[in-house]
Structure formats: C-alpha cells, structure tokens
Amino acid sequence: MGLFDFLSNEGEKKPVEPAAKPAAGGATDFFGNADKTAAAGETYTVVSGDSLSKIARNHYGDGSKWHQIYEANKAIIGSDPDKIEVGQVLTLPKAVS
C-alpha cells in the first residue's frame, strides 16, 4: 500500500488518539522522558571569579554546601573542585540539610 492509496482510502479513517499526559508535576523532554535537570534543581553558568563555595553561598545561603554542587557536577568539573571554568553549566541540586 502506497501513500496515495492510504490517503485516498476514505473507509479507513480513524481519529488520532491524544498523547498520554505526564503525571502531575512530572517534567518531560521532547520525547516524553523524565527531565532529570528539572528534577535535580536549577542550572547555573559559571562566571569569572566564581568558586563552588561562592555559588553555594549565593544559592543556598551557606558556602559550606559547595560539596553538594560538586557531587552533582563531578562529570563536568573533574577531580579538582577548585578548577571550575567560566561558561560551565552546573546543576544546582535542591539543598540537603
């Protein structure tokens, strides 16, 4: 069956089923997969003069929570938390007390 056969076949028309809606509060990407970035918190782009403790102090109100930012971004930052680079986009997880 070709495209023109499909389009001209009047007897086979069926309504299109609506896509399933995600559960309340569940953010998804274009493909309907859970959006991990939204669930993890906000993102922050590193600027000149930043440090993880400075970002933690501005975001959480406590510079000693820099470890949480580092743990969430080890793959981006690498093995040395003192070497963040301008332009890196870091995930800022929701603060854990």
N, C-alpha and C. Protein backbone atom coordinates (compact mmCIF):
# COMPACT_ATOMS: atom_id res chain seq x y z
N MET A 1 0.84 -1.16 0.00
CA MET A 1 0.00 0.00 0.00
C MET A 1 0.89 1.23 0.00
N GLY A 2 0.69 2.12 -0.92
CA GLY A 2 1.48 3.33 -1.02
C GLY A 2 0.82 4.50 -0.30
N LEU A 3 1.50 5.61 -0.29
CA LEU A 3 0.99 6.79 0.39
C LEU A 3 -0.31 7.27 -0.24
N PHE A 4 -0.38 7.27 -1.57
CA PHE A 4 -1.59 7.74 -2.23
C PHE A 4 -2.76 6.80 -1.98
N ASP A 5 -2.49 5.50 -1.88
CA ASP A 5 -3.56 4.55 -1.54
C ASP A 5 -4.09 4.84 -0.14
N PHE A 6 -3.19 5.13 0.78
CA PHE A 6 -3.58 5.40 2.16
C PHE A 6 -4.42 6.68 2.22
N LEU A 7 -3.98 7.73 1.51
CA LEU A 7 -4.68 9.00 1.55
C LEU A 7 -6.04 8.94 0.87
N SER A 8 -6.17 8.12 -0.14
CA SER A 8 -7.44 8.07 -0.87
C SER A 8 -8.40 7.04 -0.29
N ASN A 9 -8.01 6.27 0.68
CA ASN A 9 -8.85 5.24 1.28
C ASN A 9 -9.75 5.88 2.34
N GLU A 10 -10.95 6.28 1.93
CA GLU A 10 -11.89 7.00 2.80
C GLU A 10 -12.45 6.13 3.92
N GLY A 11 -12.59 4.85 3.71
CA GLY A 11 -13.23 3.98 4.69
C GLY A 11 -12.36 3.65 5.89
N GLU A 12 -11.10 3.96 5.86
CA GLU A 12 -10.18 3.57 6.92
C GLU A 12 -9.81 4.72 7.86
N LYS A 13 -10.54 5.82 7.83
CA LYS A 13 -10.18 6.96 8.68
C LYS A 13 -10.51 6.64 10.13
N LYS A 14 -9.54 6.93 11.00
CA LYS A 14 -9.71 6.74 12.43
C LYS A 14 -9.25 8.01 13.13
N PRO A 15 -9.90 8.37 14.23
CA PRO A 15 -9.44 9.57 14.93
C PRO A 15 -8.07 9.33 15.56
N VAL A 16 -7.32 10.38 15.66
CA VAL A 16 -6.00 10.31 16.25
C VAL A 16 -6.16 10.30 17.77
N GLU A 17 -5.48 9.37 18.43
CA GLU A 17 -5.53 9.29 19.88
C GLU A 17 -4.62 10.36 20.47
N PRO A 18 -5.09 11.09 21.49
CA PRO A 18 -4.20 12.07 22.11
C PRO A 18 -3.07 11.38 22.86
N ALA A 19 -1.94 12.05 22.92
CA ALA A 19 -0.79 11.50 23.63
C ALA A 19 -1.09 11.48 25.12
N ALA A 20 -0.52 10.50 25.80
CA ALA A 20 -0.71 10.41 27.25
C ALA A 20 -0.03 11.61 27.91
N LYS A 21 -0.71 12.20 28.87
CA LYS A 21 -0.14 13.34 29.57
C LYS A 21 0.73 12.85 30.70
N PRO A 22 1.86 13.55 30.97
CA PRO A 22 2.70 13.14 32.09
C PRO A 22 1.98 13.35 33.41
N ALA A 23 2.42 12.62 34.42
CA ALA A 23 1.84 12.76 35.75
C ALA A 23 2.03 14.19 36.24
N ALA A 24 1.14 14.63 37.09
CA ALA A 24 1.20 16.00 37.61
C ALA A 24 2.57 16.27 38.23
N GLY A 25 3.16 17.39 37.84
CA GLY A 25 4.44 17.78 38.40
C GLY A 25 5.63 17.11 37.74
N GLY A 26 5.39 16.19 36.82
CA GLY A 26 6.50 15.48 36.18
C GLY A 26 6.91 16.15 34.89
N ALA A 27 8.06 16.76 34.87
CA ALA A 27 8.55 17.41 33.66
C ALA A 27 9.13 16.36 32.73
N THR A 28 8.90 16.54 31.44
CA THR A 28 9.44 15.62 30.46
C THR A 28 10.12 16.39 29.35
N ASP A 29 11.01 15.70 28.62
CA ASP A 29 11.64 16.31 27.47
C ASP A 29 10.76 16.09 26.25
N PHE A 30 11.26 16.43 25.08
CA PHE A 30 10.51 16.31 23.84
C PHE A 30 9.99 14.90 23.59
N PHE A 31 10.75 13.90 24.00
CA PHE A 31 10.40 12.51 23.73
C PHE A 31 9.56 11.88 24.84
N GLY A 32 9.20 12.64 25.87
CA GLY A 32 8.38 12.12 26.95
C GLY A 32 9.18 11.46 28.06
N ASN A 33 10.51 11.56 27.98
CA ASN A 33 11.36 11.01 29.05
C ASN A 33 11.38 11.97 30.22
N ALA A 34 11.57 11.45 31.42
CA ALA A 34 11.65 12.30 32.59
C ALA A 34 12.80 13.28 32.44
N ASP A 35 12.53 14.53 32.72
CA ASP A 35 13.54 15.57 32.61
C ASP A 35 14.33 15.61 33.92
N LYS A 36 15.53 15.04 33.92
CA LYS A 36 16.34 14.93 35.14
C LYS A 36 16.85 16.28 35.59
N THR A 37 17.06 17.20 34.68
CA THR A 37 17.55 18.52 35.06
C THR A 37 16.52 19.25 35.90
N ALA A 38 15.27 19.20 35.49
CA ALA A 38 14.23 19.87 36.25
C ALA A 38 14.06 19.24 37.61
N ALA A 39 14.16 17.93 37.68
CA ALA A 39 14.01 17.25 38.95
C ALA A 39 15.17 17.54 39.89
N ALA A 40 16.35 17.76 39.33
CA ALA A 40 17.53 17.96 40.14
C ALA A 40 17.61 19.36 40.73
N GLY A 41 16.98 20.32 40.12
CA GLY A 41 17.05 21.70 40.60
C GLY A 41 17.30 22.64 39.45
N GLU A 42 18.01 23.72 39.74
CA GLU A 42 18.29 24.74 38.75
C GLU A 42 19.65 24.52 38.11
N THR A 43 19.93 25.31 37.09
CA THR A 43 21.27 25.30 36.50
C THR A 43 21.89 26.67 36.71
N TYR A 44 23.21 26.70 36.67
CA TYR A 44 23.95 27.95 36.87
C TYR A 44 25.14 27.93 35.93
N THR A 45 25.38 29.03 35.23
CA THR A 45 26.53 29.16 34.35
C THR A 45 27.64 29.91 35.08
N VAL A 46 28.80 29.29 35.17
CA VAL A 46 29.94 29.84 35.89
C VAL A 46 30.43 31.11 35.20
N VAL A 47 30.68 32.14 36.02
CA VAL A 47 31.23 33.40 35.52
C VAL A 47 32.59 33.64 36.18
N SER A 48 33.33 34.59 35.65
CA SER A 48 34.65 34.91 36.17
C SER A 48 34.57 35.27 37.65
N GLY A 49 35.48 34.72 38.44
CA GLY A 49 35.52 35.00 39.87
C GLY A 49 34.72 34.03 40.72
N ASP A 50 34.02 33.12 40.10
CA ASP A 50 33.19 32.15 40.85
C ASP A 50 34.05 31.07 41.49
N SER A 51 33.52 30.53 42.57
CA SER A 51 34.04 29.31 43.19
C SER A 51 32.81 28.54 43.64
N LEU A 52 32.97 27.26 43.91
CA LEU A 52 31.82 26.47 44.34
C LEU A 52 31.25 27.01 45.65
N SER A 53 32.12 27.45 46.55
CA SER A 53 31.62 27.98 47.83
C SER A 53 30.86 29.30 47.62
N LYS A 54 31.32 30.12 46.70
CA LYS A 54 30.63 31.38 46.41
C LYS A 54 29.26 31.10 45.79
N ILE A 55 29.20 30.14 44.88
CA ILE A 55 27.93 29.76 44.25
C ILE A 55 26.99 29.21 45.32
N ALA A 56 27.51 28.35 46.20
CA ALA A 56 26.69 27.77 47.27
C ALA A 56 26.18 28.86 48.21
N ARG A 57 27.03 29.81 48.54
CA ARG A 57 26.62 30.90 49.44
C ARG A 57 25.50 31.72 48.80
N ASN A 58 25.63 32.02 47.50
CA ASN A 58 24.60 32.81 46.82
C ASN A 58 23.31 32.03 46.60
N HIS A 59 23.44 30.73 46.34
CA HIS A 59 22.26 29.93 46.00
C HIS A 59 21.57 29.35 47.24
N TYR A 60 22.36 28.84 48.18
CA TYR A 60 21.80 28.19 49.36
C TYR A 60 21.87 29.05 50.62
N GLY A 61 22.67 30.12 50.58
CA GLY A 61 22.87 30.92 51.77
C GLY A 61 23.91 30.34 52.70
N ASP A 62 24.66 29.33 52.23
CA ASP A 62 25.66 28.65 53.05
C ASP A 62 26.78 28.13 52.15
N GLY A 63 27.95 28.78 52.25
CA GLY A 63 29.08 28.41 51.40
C GLY A 63 29.61 27.01 51.65
N SER A 64 29.33 26.45 52.83
CA SER A 64 29.84 25.10 53.14
C SER A 64 29.07 24.01 52.40
N LYS A 65 28.01 24.36 51.69
CA LYS A 65 27.25 23.37 50.92
C LYS A 65 27.80 23.19 49.50
N TRP A 66 29.03 23.69 49.28
CA TRP A 66 29.65 23.55 47.96
C TRP A 66 29.82 22.09 47.57
N HIS A 67 29.94 21.20 48.56
CA HIS A 67 30.10 19.77 48.28
C HIS A 67 28.91 19.21 47.49
N GLN A 68 27.72 19.70 47.80
CA GLN A 68 26.52 19.23 47.10
C GLN A 68 26.59 19.58 45.62
N ILE A 69 27.06 20.79 45.32
CA ILE A 69 27.19 21.21 43.92
C ILE A 69 28.27 20.38 43.24
N TYR A 70 29.37 20.16 43.93
CA TYR A 70 30.46 19.38 43.35
C TYR A 70 30.02 17.95 43.06
N GLU A 71 29.35 17.31 44.00
CA GLU A 71 28.91 15.92 43.80
C GLU A 71 27.95 15.80 42.61
N ALA A 72 27.10 16.79 42.43
CA ALA A 72 26.14 16.76 41.31
C ALA A 72 26.79 17.05 39.97
N ASN A 73 28.02 17.59 39.99
CA ASN A 73 28.66 18.02 38.74
C ASN A 73 30.06 17.47 38.55
N LYS A 74 30.40 16.37 39.22
CA LYS A 74 31.75 15.79 39.10
C LYS A 74 32.13 15.51 37.66
N ALA A 75 31.19 15.04 36.87
CA ALA A 75 31.49 14.70 35.47
C ALA A 75 31.89 15.93 34.67
N ILE A 76 31.37 17.08 35.04
CA ILE A 76 31.68 18.32 34.32
C ILE A 76 32.95 18.96 34.88
N ILE A 77 33.05 19.01 36.21
CA ILE A 77 34.15 19.71 36.88
C ILE A 77 35.45 18.92 36.84
N GLY A 78 35.36 17.61 37.04
CA GLY A 78 36.56 16.78 37.09
C GLY A 78 36.95 16.50 38.53
N SER A 79 38.20 16.07 38.72
CA SER A 79 38.63 15.62 40.04
C SER A 79 39.03 16.75 40.99
N ASP A 80 39.19 17.98 40.49
CA ASP A 80 39.60 19.10 41.34
C ASP A 80 38.47 20.13 41.43
N PRO A 81 37.77 20.20 42.57
CA PRO A 81 36.65 21.13 42.69
C PRO A 81 37.06 22.60 42.64
N ASP A 82 38.36 22.89 42.76
CA ASP A 82 38.82 24.27 42.68
C ASP A 82 38.99 24.74 41.23
N LYS A 83 38.83 23.84 40.28
CA LYS A 83 39.08 24.18 38.88
C LYS A 83 37.80 24.20 38.05
N ILE A 84 36.87 25.06 38.45
CA ILE A 84 35.70 25.28 37.60
C ILE A 84 36.08 26.32 36.56
N GLU A 85 35.42 26.26 35.41
CA GLU A 85 35.78 27.14 34.31
C GLU A 85 34.60 28.02 33.90
N VAL A 86 34.91 29.22 33.49
CA VAL A 86 33.90 30.16 33.01
C VAL A 86 33.13 29.50 31.86
N GLY A 87 31.82 29.58 31.92
CA GLY A 87 30.97 29.02 30.87
C GLY A 87 30.42 27.64 31.18
N GLN A 88 30.99 26.95 32.18
CA GLN A 88 30.44 25.63 32.54
C GLN A 88 29.03 25.82 33.08
N VAL A 89 28.14 24.93 32.69
CA VAL A 89 26.76 24.97 33.18
C VAL A 89 26.63 23.89 34.24
N LEU A 90 26.43 24.32 35.47
CA LEU A 90 26.35 23.41 36.60
C LEU A 90 24.91 23.21 37.04
N THR A 91 24.60 22.01 37.47
CA THR A 91 23.30 21.72 38.06
C THR A 91 23.38 22.04 39.54
N LEU A 92 22.43 22.82 40.01
CA LEU A 92 22.37 23.15 41.43
C LEU A 92 21.25 22.32 42.06
N PRO A 93 21.63 21.22 42.73
CA PRO A 93 20.59 20.36 43.30
C PRO A 93 19.86 21.06 44.43
N LYS A 94 18.69 20.55 44.72
CA LYS A 94 17.95 21.11 45.87
C LYS A 94 18.77 20.83 47.12
N ALA A 95 18.86 21.82 47.98
CA ALA A 95 19.71 21.73 49.16
C ALA A 95 19.28 20.62 50.10
N VAL A 96 20.25 19.88 50.57
CA VAL A 96 20.01 18.85 51.58
C VAL A 96 20.55 19.39 52.89
N SER A 97 19.75 19.37 53.92
CA SER A 97 20.18 19.92 55.21
C SER A 97 21.26 19.13 55.85
